[in-house]
């Protein structure tokens, strides 16, 4: 989701900056601009003195401006904090047990192994797994798309006993907390003659 939000925010910011910059550049260069264009020539400003005075006298103007700017600042801070937070687990440290040696397993490799094992379960059409760090320990977030004949309870038990347990045991973790979301496959209706 963060990738989508980033792309939409950057796209909107780019379009707005391109439109405003293009308008200012065209007007400043003295180019012919349409009559509805906000700037007509090098001496024009975005808000004339009359416009500024008219809006200043309205009682609702300053609260709306301050609220809009506050929302923009909060949105920018939220995007900045989202960028700084690592979305996925980079690697899992595995203690080999001999002489304090450790090994590192890439988080994405472990996710792919868990996904492959989950998709091999009876009744699972598709599996998506993301490993995240919660309180210093890895946590798995699993999304399963179930086939129509699948038993949700049975599939969840098999997932826990096989894919999650194998990942936990292979990395030497004491626990691997898992949040699972189950979705049913939808079939297009078919006409029976």
Protein backbone atom coordinates (compact mmCIF):
# COMPACT_ATOMS: atom_id res chain seq x y z
CA UNK A 1 0.00 0.00 0.00
CA UNK A 2 2.83 2.38 0.82
CA UNK A 3 4.20 2.01 -2.70
CA UNK A 4 0.80 2.98 -4.14
CA UNK A 5 0.47 5.98 -1.81
CA UNK A 6 3.99 7.09 -2.78
CA UNK A 7 3.23 6.89 -6.48
CA UNK A 8 -0.09 8.71 -6.20
CA UNK A 9 1.36 11.46 -3.97
CA UNK A 10 4.38 11.97 -6.22
CA UNK A 11 2.20 11.95 -9.33
CA UNK A 12 -0.20 14.55 -7.92
CA UNK A 13 2.64 16.74 -6.68
CA UNK A 14 4.32 16.50 -10.08
CA UNK A 15 1.16 17.44 -11.98
CA UNK A 16 0.45 20.41 -9.69
CA UNK A 17 4.04 21.68 -9.85
CA UNK A 18 4.16 21.22 -13.62
CA UNK A 19 0.88 23.13 -14.13
CA UNK A 20 1.81 26.01 -11.81
CA UNK A 21 5.36 26.21 -13.13
CA UNK A 22 4.21 26.08 -16.73
CA UNK A 23 1.63 28.80 -16.14
CA UNK A 24 4.14 31.07 -14.43
CA UNK A 25 6.77 30.42 -17.10
CA UNK A 26 4.36 31.08 -19.98
CA UNK A 27 3.04 34.29 -18.42
CA UNK A 28 6.50 35.48 -17.40
CA UNK A 29 7.86 34.93 -20.90
CA UNK A 30 5.01 37.01 -22.32
CA UNK A 31 3.63 34.11 -24.34
CA UNK A 32 0.08 34.12 -25.56
CA UNK A 33 -2.06 32.36 -22.93
CA UNK A 34 -5.80 31.53 -22.96
CA UNK A 35 -8.21 34.06 -21.46
CA UNK A 36 -9.07 31.78 -18.53
CA UNK A 37 -5.39 31.46 -17.56
CA UNK A 38 -4.71 33.03 -14.14
CA UNK A 39 -1.65 35.04 -15.28
CA UNK A 40 -1.49 37.23 -18.38
CA UNK A 41 1.94 38.80 -18.40
CA UNK A 42 5.25 39.41 -16.65
CA UNK A 43 3.72 41.94 -14.22
CA UNK A 44 0.86 39.70 -13.01
CA UNK A 45 0.77 38.07 -9.59
CA UNK A 46 -1.25 35.03 -8.49
CA UNK A 47 -3.38 37.07 -6.07
CA UNK A 48 -3.86 40.77 -6.65
CA UNK A 49 -4.09 43.26 -3.80
CA UNK A 50 -7.88 43.45 -4.28
CA UNK A 51 -8.19 39.64 -4.09
CA UNK A 52 -6.06 39.45 -0.96
CA UNK A 53 -8.09 42.21 0.74
CA UNK A 54 -11.38 40.60 -0.25
CA UNK A 55 -10.46 37.21 1.24
CA UNK A 56 -8.87 38.72 4.33
CA UNK A 57 -12.16 40.34 5.34
CA UNK A 58 -14.03 37.01 5.28
CA UNK A 59 -14.29 35.45 8.75
CA UNK A 60 -13.94 31.88 7.47
CA UNK A 61 -10.85 32.50 5.33
CA UNK A 62 -8.02 32.23 7.87
CA UNK A 63 -9.37 29.17 9.72
CA UNK A 64 -9.75 27.34 6.39
CA UNK A 65 -6.24 28.31 5.25
CA UNK A 66 -4.70 27.25 8.58
CA UNK A 67 -6.66 23.96 8.62
CA UNK A 68 -5.66 23.13 5.04
CA UNK A 69 -2.00 23.87 5.74
CA UNK A 70 -2.13 21.80 8.95
CA UNK A 71 -3.58 18.85 7.03
CA UNK A 72 -0.84 19.18 4.39
CA UNK A 73 1.88 19.27 7.06
CA UNK A 74 0.43 16.22 8.85
CA UNK A 75 0.16 14.34 5.56
CA UNK A 76 3.77 15.19 4.68
CA UNK A 77 4.96 14.06 8.13
CA UNK A 78 3.01 10.82 7.83
CA UNK A 79 4.59 10.10 4.43
CA UNK A 80 8.06 10.91 5.81
CA UNK A 81 7.61 8.58 8.80
CA UNK A 82 6.25 5.86 6.53
CA UNK A 83 9.40 6.15 4.41
CA UNK A 84 11.66 5.81 7.43
CA UNK A 85 9.87 2.71 8.72
CA UNK A 86 11.04 -0.50 7.11
CA UNK A 87 8.03 -2.30 5.76
CA UNK A 88 9.56 -5.75 5.50
CA UNK A 89 12.01 -7.76 7.50
CA UNK A 90 15.41 -7.63 5.78
CA UNK A 91 16.83 -10.78 7.35
CA UNK A 92 16.41 -13.27 10.18
CA UNK A 93 19.39 -14.17 12.36
CA UNK A 94 19.74 -17.92 12.81
CA UNK A 95 21.84 -19.23 15.70
CA UNK A 96 23.70 -22.32 14.50
CA UNK A 97 24.46 -23.37 18.06
CA UNK A 98 28.16 -24.04 17.53
CA UNK A 99 30.72 -21.61 18.92
CA UNK A 100 28.31 -18.68 18.72
CA UNK A 101 28.24 -18.75 14.92
CA UNK A 102 25.24 -17.14 13.34
CA UNK A 103 23.77 -17.17 9.88
CA UNK A 104 21.41 -14.73 8.24
CA UNK A 105 18.43 -15.76 6.14
CA UNK A 106 17.04 -13.11 3.82
CA UNK A 107 13.52 -12.17 4.82
CA UNK A 108 12.27 -12.30 1.23
CA UNK A 109 13.71 -15.80 0.74
CA UNK A 110 11.91 -17.03 3.86
CA UNK A 111 8.69 -15.36 2.67
CA UNK A 112 8.94 -17.08 -0.70
CA UNK A 113 9.59 -20.48 0.91
CA UNK A 114 6.59 -20.02 3.20
CA UNK A 115 4.42 -18.90 0.27
CA UNK A 116 5.40 -21.95 -1.80
CA UNK A 117 4.64 -24.29 1.07
CA UNK A 118 1.33 -22.55 1.83
CA UNK A 119 0.26 -22.71 -1.82
CA UNK A 120 0.94 -26.46 -1.85
CA UNK A 121 -1.71 -26.96 0.85
CA UNK A 122 -5.05 -28.41 -0.21
CA UNK A 123 -7.58 -25.66 -0.87
CA UNK A 124 -5.15 -22.74 -1.16
CA UNK A 125 -5.29 -20.93 -4.50
CA UNK A 126 -2.76 -18.21 -3.66
CA UNK A 127 -0.66 -17.19 -0.66
CA UNK A 128 1.04 -13.88 0.14
CA UNK A 129 3.30 -13.66 3.18
CA UNK A 130 5.09 -10.64 4.59
CA UNK A 131 7.54 -10.84 7.48
CA UNK A 132 7.73 -7.78 9.71
CA UNK A 133 9.57 -6.98 12.91
CA UNK A 134 7.33 -6.42 15.91
CA UNK A 135 9.05 -5.69 19.22
CA UNK A 136 12.38 -7.03 17.98
CA UNK A 137 10.95 -10.40 16.91
CA UNK A 138 9.76 -11.48 13.46
CA UNK A 139 6.04 -11.65 12.81
CA UNK A 140 4.33 -13.15 9.76
CA UNK A 141 1.32 -11.66 8.03
CA UNK A 142 -0.36 -14.21 5.81
CA UNK A 143 -3.06 -13.68 3.20
CA UNK A 144 -4.57 -16.81 1.72
CA UNK A 145 -7.01 -17.02 -1.16
CA UNK A 146 -9.02 -20.20 -0.66
CA UNK A 147 -10.59 -22.36 -3.31
CA UNK A 148 -14.37 -22.98 -3.02
CA UNK A 149 -13.98 -26.50 -1.60
CA UNK A 150 -11.48 -25.47 1.12
CA UNK A 151 -12.28 -25.72 4.79
CA UNK A 152 -11.06 -22.49 6.45
CA UNK A 153 -10.43 -24.15 9.82
CA UNK A 154 -8.61 -27.11 8.26
CA UNK A 155 -6.53 -24.86 6.01
CA UNK A 156 -5.57 -22.67 8.97
CA UNK A 157 -4.53 -25.73 11.01
CA UNK A 158 -2.47 -27.08 8.10
CA UNK A 159 -0.83 -23.68 7.55
CA UNK A 160 0.14 -23.44 11.22
CA UNK A 161 1.36 -27.04 11.43
CA UNK A 162 3.33 -26.99 8.20
CA UNK A 163 4.43 -23.67 6.65
CA UNK A 164 4.61 -21.61 9.84
CA UNK A 165 6.09 -24.40 11.96
CA UNK A 166 8.71 -25.26 9.35
CA UNK A 167 9.74 -21.59 9.05
CA UNK A 168 9.92 -21.25 12.84
CA UNK A 169 11.92 -24.45 13.28
CA UNK A 170 14.33 -23.75 10.40
CA UNK A 171 15.22 -20.31 11.75
CA UNK A 172 15.47 -21.47 15.37
CA UNK A 173 12.87 -18.98 16.60
CA UNK A 174 11.05 -19.76 19.83
CA UNK A 175 7.80 -18.43 18.36
CA UNK A 176 6.65 -16.96 15.07
CA UNK A 177 3.46 -14.95 15.71
CA UNK A 178 1.24 -15.10 12.65
CA UNK A 179 -1.76 -13.07 11.57
CA UNK A 180 -3.75 -14.78 8.83
CA UNK A 181 -6.45 -13.36 6.58
CA UNK A 182 -8.52 -15.77 4.55
CA UNK A 183 -10.30 -14.73 1.36
CA UNK A 184 -12.63 -16.88 -0.72
CA UNK A 185 -12.13 -17.26 -4.46
CA UNK A 186 -14.95 -15.82 -6.51
CA UNK A 187 -16.18 -17.64 -9.55
CA UNK A 188 -17.94 -16.07 -12.46
CA UNK A 189 -21.51 -17.27 -12.74
CA UNK A 190 -22.09 -19.87 -15.41
CA UNK A 191 -25.35 -20.48 -17.21
CA UNK A 192 -26.70 -23.99 -16.97
CA UNK A 193 -28.96 -24.97 -19.82
